[in-house]
N, C-alpha and C. Protein backbone atom coordinates (compact mmCIF):
# COMPACT_ATOMS: atom_id res chain seq x y z
N UNK A 1 -79.29 107.44 209.45
CA UNK A 1 -78.62 106.99 208.26
C UNK A 1 -78.93 107.96 207.13
N UNK A 2 -77.90 108.42 206.45
CA UNK A 2 -78.06 109.36 205.35
C UNK A 2 -77.59 108.69 204.07
N UNK A 3 -78.42 108.74 203.04
CA UNK A 3 -78.05 108.19 201.74
C UNK A 3 -77.60 109.32 200.83
N UNK A 4 -76.51 109.14 200.14
CA UNK A 4 -76.00 110.16 199.23
C UNK A 4 -76.58 109.91 197.83
N UNK A 5 -77.87 110.23 197.67
CA UNK A 5 -78.56 110.00 196.41
C UNK A 5 -78.27 111.12 195.42
N UNK A 6 -78.06 110.75 194.16
CA UNK A 6 -77.89 111.75 193.11
C UNK A 6 -79.22 112.48 192.94
N UNK A 7 -79.17 113.79 192.82
CA UNK A 7 -80.40 114.57 192.69
C UNK A 7 -80.24 115.67 191.66
N UNK A 8 -81.38 116.03 191.08
CA UNK A 8 -81.45 117.12 190.11
C UNK A 8 -82.70 117.91 190.44
N UNK A 9 -82.57 119.19 190.71
CA UNK A 9 -83.71 120.04 191.08
C UNK A 9 -84.51 119.43 192.24
N UNK A 10 -83.80 118.92 193.24
CA UNK A 10 -84.41 118.29 194.42
C UNK A 10 -85.22 117.04 194.11
N UNK A 11 -84.97 116.41 192.97
CA UNK A 11 -85.61 115.15 192.61
C UNK A 11 -84.55 114.07 192.55
N UNK A 12 -84.87 112.88 193.00
CA UNK A 12 -83.93 111.76 192.99
C UNK A 12 -83.78 111.24 191.57
N UNK A 13 -82.56 111.12 191.11
CA UNK A 13 -82.30 110.59 189.78
C UNK A 13 -82.33 109.06 189.81
N UNK A 14 -83.07 108.47 188.87
CA UNK A 14 -83.16 107.02 188.75
C UNK A 14 -82.88 106.62 187.31
N UNK A 15 -82.57 105.32 187.13
CA UNK A 15 -82.36 104.81 185.78
C UNK A 15 -83.68 104.23 185.25
N UNK A 16 -83.63 103.55 184.13
CA UNK A 16 -84.85 103.03 183.51
C UNK A 16 -85.52 101.94 184.34
N UNK A 17 -84.80 101.35 185.29
CA UNK A 17 -85.37 100.34 186.18
C UNK A 17 -85.76 100.93 187.53
N UNK A 18 -85.73 102.25 187.65
CA UNK A 18 -86.09 103.01 188.85
C UNK A 18 -85.07 102.87 189.97
N UNK A 19 -83.86 102.42 189.63
CA UNK A 19 -82.81 102.27 190.63
C UNK A 19 -82.03 103.58 190.74
N UNK A 20 -81.70 103.97 191.95
CA UNK A 20 -80.92 105.18 192.19
C UNK A 20 -79.44 104.90 191.93
N UNK A 21 -78.63 105.89 192.22
CA UNK A 21 -77.18 105.70 192.07
C UNK A 21 -76.61 104.75 193.12
N UNK A 22 -77.43 104.36 194.08
CA UNK A 22 -77.02 103.40 195.11
C UNK A 22 -77.65 102.05 194.76
N UNK A 23 -76.80 101.05 194.48
CA UNK A 23 -77.29 99.74 194.08
C UNK A 23 -78.26 99.17 195.12
N UNK A 24 -79.42 98.71 194.64
CA UNK A 24 -80.42 98.12 195.54
C UNK A 24 -81.38 99.11 196.15
N UNK A 25 -81.22 100.40 195.86
CA UNK A 25 -82.13 101.42 196.37
C UNK A 25 -82.94 101.95 195.19
N UNK A 26 -84.26 101.79 195.28
CA UNK A 26 -85.16 102.18 194.20
C UNK A 26 -86.06 103.31 194.66
N UNK A 27 -86.54 104.10 193.71
CA UNK A 27 -87.46 105.20 194.03
C UNK A 27 -88.44 105.37 192.89
N UNK A 28 -89.67 105.78 193.22
CA UNK A 28 -90.70 106.02 192.22
C UNK A 28 -91.53 107.23 192.61
N UNK A 29 -92.34 107.71 191.68
CA UNK A 29 -93.32 108.74 191.98
C UNK A 29 -92.85 110.16 191.75
N UNK A 30 -93.53 111.09 192.42
CA UNK A 30 -93.29 112.51 192.22
C UNK A 30 -91.88 112.96 192.60
N UNK A 31 -91.20 112.19 193.43
CA UNK A 31 -89.88 112.60 193.91
C UNK A 31 -88.72 112.15 193.06
N UNK A 32 -89.00 111.58 191.87
CA UNK A 32 -87.92 111.09 191.03
C UNK A 32 -87.89 111.80 189.68
N UNK A 33 -86.72 111.69 189.03
CA UNK A 33 -86.59 112.22 187.67
C UNK A 33 -85.73 111.27 186.85
N UNK A 34 -86.01 111.25 185.57
CA UNK A 34 -85.25 110.49 184.58
C UNK A 34 -85.57 111.08 183.22
N UNK A 35 -84.75 110.82 182.21
CA UNK A 35 -85.02 111.38 180.89
C UNK A 35 -86.41 110.99 180.38
N UNK A 36 -87.20 111.98 179.99
CA UNK A 36 -88.54 111.73 179.47
C UNK A 36 -89.61 111.62 180.53
N UNK A 37 -89.29 111.86 181.79
CA UNK A 37 -90.26 111.76 182.89
C UNK A 37 -91.42 112.72 182.65
N UNK A 38 -92.63 112.21 182.79
CA UNK A 38 -93.85 113.01 182.67
C UNK A 38 -94.42 113.17 184.07
N UNK A 39 -94.70 114.40 184.46
CA UNK A 39 -95.18 114.68 185.81
C UNK A 39 -96.69 114.44 185.92
N UNK A 40 -97.07 113.17 185.84
CA UNK A 40 -98.46 112.77 185.99
C UNK A 40 -98.55 111.64 187.00
N UNK A 41 -99.66 111.57 187.74
CA UNK A 41 -99.81 110.50 188.73
C UNK A 41 -99.78 109.14 188.05
N UNK A 42 -100.27 109.06 186.84
CA UNK A 42 -100.27 107.79 186.12
C UNK A 42 -98.85 107.27 185.89
N UNK A 43 -97.90 108.17 185.76
CA UNK A 43 -96.50 107.75 185.57
C UNK A 43 -96.02 106.97 186.79
N UNK A 44 -96.39 107.41 187.97
CA UNK A 44 -96.00 106.71 189.21
C UNK A 44 -96.59 105.31 189.27
N UNK A 45 -97.81 105.14 188.78
CA UNK A 45 -98.43 103.81 188.76
C UNK A 45 -97.67 102.88 187.82
N UNK A 46 -97.10 103.42 186.76
CA UNK A 46 -96.32 102.61 185.84
C UNK A 46 -94.93 102.31 186.36
N UNK A 47 -94.40 103.23 187.18
CA UNK A 47 -93.06 103.05 187.72
C UNK A 47 -93.01 101.95 188.79
N UNK A 48 -94.09 101.77 189.51
CA UNK A 48 -94.11 100.80 190.60
C UNK A 48 -93.82 99.38 190.12
N UNK A 49 -94.52 98.86 189.11
CA UNK A 49 -94.21 97.49 188.69
C UNK A 49 -92.81 97.36 188.11
N UNK A 50 -92.30 98.42 187.50
CA UNK A 50 -90.93 98.39 186.97
C UNK A 50 -89.94 98.22 188.11
N UNK A 51 -90.11 99.00 189.18
CA UNK A 51 -89.21 98.92 190.33
C UNK A 51 -89.33 97.59 191.05
N UNK A 52 -90.55 97.11 191.23
CA UNK A 52 -90.76 95.84 191.94
C UNK A 52 -90.14 94.68 191.17
N UNK A 53 -90.31 94.67 189.85
CA UNK A 53 -89.73 93.61 189.03
C UNK A 53 -88.21 93.64 189.11
N UNK A 54 -87.62 94.85 189.00
CA UNK A 54 -86.16 94.97 189.09
C UNK A 54 -85.66 94.50 190.45
N UNK A 55 -86.35 94.88 191.50
CA UNK A 55 -85.96 94.48 192.85
C UNK A 55 -86.10 92.97 193.03
N UNK A 56 -87.19 92.41 192.54
CA UNK A 56 -87.41 90.96 192.69
C UNK A 56 -86.33 90.17 191.98
N UNK A 57 -85.85 90.67 190.84
CA UNK A 57 -84.80 89.96 190.11
C UNK A 57 -83.50 89.89 190.90
N UNK A 58 -83.34 90.75 191.90
CA UNK A 58 -82.17 90.68 192.77
C UNK A 58 -82.27 89.52 193.75
N UNK A 59 -83.49 89.04 194.01
CA UNK A 59 -83.70 88.00 195.00
C UNK A 59 -84.09 86.65 194.40
N UNK A 60 -84.65 86.66 193.20
CA UNK A 60 -85.09 85.43 192.55
C UNK A 60 -84.16 85.16 191.37
N UNK A 61 -83.55 83.99 191.30
CA UNK A 61 -82.66 83.67 190.18
C UNK A 61 -83.34 83.85 188.83
N UNK A 62 -82.59 84.38 187.88
CA UNK A 62 -83.15 84.68 186.56
C UNK A 62 -83.77 83.45 185.90
N UNK A 63 -83.26 82.25 186.17
CA UNK A 63 -83.82 81.05 185.56
C UNK A 63 -85.28 80.85 185.96
N UNK A 64 -85.66 81.31 187.13
CA UNK A 64 -87.03 81.17 187.58
C UNK A 64 -87.97 82.17 186.91
N UNK A 65 -87.42 83.20 186.25
CA UNK A 65 -88.23 84.19 185.55
C UNK A 65 -88.59 83.72 184.15
N UNK A 66 -87.91 82.68 183.67
CA UNK A 66 -88.14 82.21 182.32
C UNK A 66 -89.28 81.19 182.33
N UNK A 67 -90.46 81.66 182.03
CA UNK A 67 -91.64 80.81 182.03
C UNK A 67 -92.21 80.73 180.62
N UNK A 68 -92.81 79.61 180.32
CA UNK A 68 -93.47 79.46 179.03
C UNK A 68 -94.85 80.12 179.09
N UNK A 69 -95.43 80.33 177.94
CA UNK A 69 -96.77 80.92 177.88
C UNK A 69 -97.77 80.04 178.63
N UNK A 70 -97.59 78.73 178.52
CA UNK A 70 -98.48 77.80 179.22
C UNK A 70 -98.37 77.98 180.73
N UNK A 71 -97.13 78.11 181.25
CA UNK A 71 -96.94 78.30 182.68
C UNK A 71 -97.59 79.61 183.14
N UNK A 72 -97.43 80.68 182.36
CA UNK A 72 -98.05 81.96 182.72
C UNK A 72 -99.57 81.84 182.71
N UNK A 73 -100.10 81.11 181.72
CA UNK A 73 -101.54 80.92 181.65
C UNK A 73 -102.06 80.18 182.87
N UNK A 74 -101.35 79.13 183.30
CA UNK A 74 -101.77 78.38 184.48
C UNK A 74 -101.68 79.24 185.73
N UNK A 75 -100.63 80.04 185.82
CA UNK A 75 -100.49 80.94 186.97
C UNK A 75 -101.63 81.95 187.01
N UNK A 76 -101.93 82.55 185.88
CA UNK A 76 -103.04 83.52 185.84
C UNK A 76 -104.36 82.86 186.20
N UNK A 77 -104.56 81.63 185.75
CA UNK A 77 -105.79 80.90 186.07
C UNK A 77 -105.89 80.67 187.57
N UNK A 78 -104.79 80.26 188.22
CA UNK A 78 -104.79 80.04 189.67
C UNK A 78 -105.04 81.35 190.42
N UNK A 79 -104.44 82.44 189.94
CA UNK A 79 -104.59 83.73 190.62
C UNK A 79 -106.04 84.22 190.52
N UNK A 80 -106.72 83.92 189.41
CA UNK A 80 -108.09 84.38 189.24
C UNK A 80 -109.04 83.66 190.20
N UNK A 81 -108.63 82.51 190.72
CA UNK A 81 -109.47 81.76 191.64
C UNK A 81 -109.38 82.29 193.07
N UNK A 82 -108.40 83.14 193.34
CA UNK A 82 -108.24 83.66 194.70
C UNK A 82 -109.30 84.68 195.05
């Protein structure tokens, strides 16, 4: 299977949500480019949660993303117990 990804200087072009020109295909790290991209490993660490969040929103209805501060606090409290 070959994907026809948009590329610039052999780097995959992504938007601000790390999505490529193919809907539902995301890319992060050293192999991507976007306006203002900084070639540091730390940039890739920041790109990962952006891509995961964008991808998750494709599978989880937006209404479920709307949580109150109290709900987030309870979730964080439960996660800290793990």
